[in-house]
């Protein structure tokens, strides 16, 4: 068991990540790449849950910035992601999260998107960067 005593009035709860002093600050907005796994298409403005490590927070899909064309391996503009599409999105989370680009940290850069009504997994995501 470890006891940590912060030197200011920071609240920390179960499952919170205590980053290194020089770590990047937690983010409320970040770009990501998603693999959409649901039959229902994803559209901008969707309100879902984002599970990152042990934390689950509300998230809004601010924008869909592209869909990967698997034949040409190029991003194309889109306003919807359908089943098995891979796309680029901009996310806004309700609480700051200690996310890192997936290329820098597999643990800090991976997350799931969940349906807020039933908890089903809708997408697997990677923090871009």
Protein backbone atom coordinates (compact mmCIF):
# COMPACT_ATOMS: atom_id res chain seq x y z
CA UNK A 1 0.00 0.00 0.00
CA UNK A 2 1.22 3.49 -0.86
CA UNK A 3 0.09 6.82 0.56
CA UNK A 4 0.57 9.92 -1.55
CA UNK A 5 0.11 13.37 -0.05
CA UNK A 6 -0.40 16.13 -2.64
CA UNK A 7 0.99 19.55 -1.75
CA UNK A 8 -2.17 21.34 -2.91
CA UNK A 9 -5.92 20.77 -2.72
CA UNK A 10 -6.12 18.39 -5.69
CA UNK A 11 -8.85 15.77 -5.44
CA UNK A 12 -7.90 12.27 -6.58
CA UNK A 13 -10.27 9.33 -6.66
CA UNK A 14 -10.02 5.63 -7.25
CA UNK A 15 -8.65 4.90 -10.71
CA UNK A 16 -7.23 8.38 -11.26
CA UNK A 17 -3.80 8.54 -12.87
CA UNK A 18 -1.11 10.47 -11.02
CA UNK A 19 1.22 11.63 -13.81
CA UNK A 20 4.90 12.44 -13.53
CA UNK A 21 5.77 16.07 -12.86
CA UNK A 22 6.95 16.58 -16.43
CA UNK A 23 4.02 14.71 -18.02
CA UNK A 24 1.77 16.43 -20.53
CA UNK A 25 -1.30 18.01 -18.92
CA UNK A 26 -4.64 16.16 -19.09
CA UNK A 27 -6.74 17.10 -22.13
CA UNK A 28 -10.43 17.81 -22.68
CA UNK A 29 -10.16 17.92 -26.49
CA UNK A 30 -8.05 15.74 -28.76
CA UNK A 31 -7.98 14.16 -32.22
CA UNK A 32 -8.32 10.40 -32.54
CA UNK A 33 -8.64 7.53 -34.97
CA UNK A 34 -11.62 5.20 -34.54
CA UNK A 35 -12.61 1.80 -35.84
CA UNK A 36 -16.41 1.95 -35.80
CA UNK A 37 -17.89 -1.38 -34.64
CA UNK A 38 -21.61 -0.64 -34.47
CA UNK A 39 -24.43 -1.11 -36.96
CA UNK A 40 -25.72 2.39 -36.19
CA UNK A 41 -23.63 5.01 -38.06
CA UNK A 42 -21.58 7.60 -36.15
CA UNK A 43 -22.36 11.25 -36.84
CA UNK A 44 -20.93 14.51 -35.49
CA UNK A 45 -22.57 15.60 -32.25
CA UNK A 46 -23.05 12.05 -30.97
CA UNK A 47 -22.96 11.80 -27.16
CA UNK A 48 -21.27 8.63 -25.95
CA UNK A 49 -19.05 7.39 -23.12
CA UNK A 50 -15.27 7.15 -23.42
CA UNK A 51 -13.46 4.48 -21.38
CA UNK A 52 -9.76 5.26 -20.86
CA UNK A 53 -8.01 2.94 -18.42
CA UNK A 54 -10.30 2.72 -15.39
CA UNK A 55 -12.12 6.00 -16.08
CA UNK A 56 -15.36 6.35 -18.01
CA UNK A 57 -16.44 9.88 -18.95
CA UNK A 58 -19.05 11.45 -21.27
CA UNK A 59 -17.74 12.44 -24.70
CA UNK A 60 -19.10 14.37 -27.68
CA UNK A 61 -17.97 13.72 -31.25
CA UNK A 62 -17.16 17.31 -32.24
CA UNK A 63 -16.25 16.48 -35.85
CA UNK A 64 -15.58 13.65 -38.26
CA UNK A 65 -12.49 14.78 -40.14
CA UNK A 66 -12.02 11.86 -42.50
CA UNK A 67 -12.65 8.23 -43.43
CA UNK A 68 -9.84 5.92 -44.51
CA UNK A 69 -10.29 4.51 -48.02
CA UNK A 70 -8.73 1.06 -47.59
CA UNK A 71 -8.18 0.59 -51.33
CA UNK A 72 -6.22 3.82 -51.83
CA UNK A 73 -5.03 4.19 -48.19
CA UNK A 74 -6.10 7.84 -48.26
CA UNK A 75 -8.30 9.91 -45.95
CA UNK A 76 -11.46 11.32 -47.54
CA UNK A 77 -13.85 13.88 -46.02
CA UNK A 78 -16.96 12.35 -44.50
CA UNK A 79 -19.93 13.17 -42.31
CA UNK A 80 -20.63 9.60 -41.17
CA UNK A 81 -18.76 6.44 -40.13
CA UNK A 82 -20.45 3.11 -40.84
CA UNK A 83 -19.77 -0.42 -39.61
CA UNK A 84 -16.04 -1.29 -39.89
CA UNK A 85 -15.05 2.18 -41.13
CA UNK A 86 -11.78 3.66 -39.87
CA UNK A 87 -12.00 7.38 -39.43
CA UNK A 88 -10.45 10.47 -37.91
CA UNK A 89 -12.47 12.42 -35.34
CA UNK A 90 -12.17 15.32 -32.93
CA UNK A 91 -13.39 14.48 -29.42
CA UNK A 92 -14.44 16.62 -26.45
CA UNK A 93 -14.58 14.85 -23.06
CA UNK A 94 -16.45 16.09 -19.99
CA UNK A 95 -13.40 15.76 -17.71
CA UNK A 96 -9.71 16.17 -18.55
CA UNK A 97 -8.00 12.83 -19.23
CA UNK A 98 -4.27 12.00 -19.15
CA UNK A 99 -4.21 10.83 -22.77
CA UNK A 100 -1.05 10.49 -24.84
CA UNK A 101 -0.59 9.79 -28.55
CA UNK A 102 -0.86 6.04 -29.15
CA UNK A 103 2.58 6.08 -30.85
CA UNK A 104 4.09 7.26 -27.55
CA UNK A 105 2.06 5.09 -25.15
CA UNK A 106 -0.15 2.11 -25.95
CA UNK A 107 -1.78 2.35 -22.52
CA UNK A 108 -2.20 6.13 -22.51
CA UNK A 109 -3.29 6.32 -26.13
CA UNK A 110 -6.00 3.65 -26.38
CA UNK A 111 -9.67 3.92 -25.43
CA UNK A 112 -13.14 2.54 -26.12
CA UNK A 113 -16.34 4.38 -27.02
CA UNK A 114 -19.44 2.99 -25.33
CA UNK A 115 -23.17 3.43 -25.80
CA UNK A 116 -24.37 5.56 -22.88
CA UNK A 117 -27.73 3.75 -22.70
CA UNK A 118 -26.58 0.11 -22.55
CA UNK A 119 -22.77 0.12 -22.21
CA UNK A 120 -22.16 -1.72 -25.47
CA UNK A 121 -18.81 -1.12 -27.17
CA UNK A 122 -19.24 1.05 -30.27
CA UNK A 123 -15.65 1.80 -31.27
CA UNK A 124 -12.00 1.21 -30.49
CA UNK A 125 -9.93 4.36 -30.57
CA UNK A 126 -6.35 5.61 -30.70
CA UNK A 127 -5.29 9.10 -29.66
CA UNK A 128 -3.71 10.81 -32.69
CA UNK A 129 -0.57 12.83 -32.40
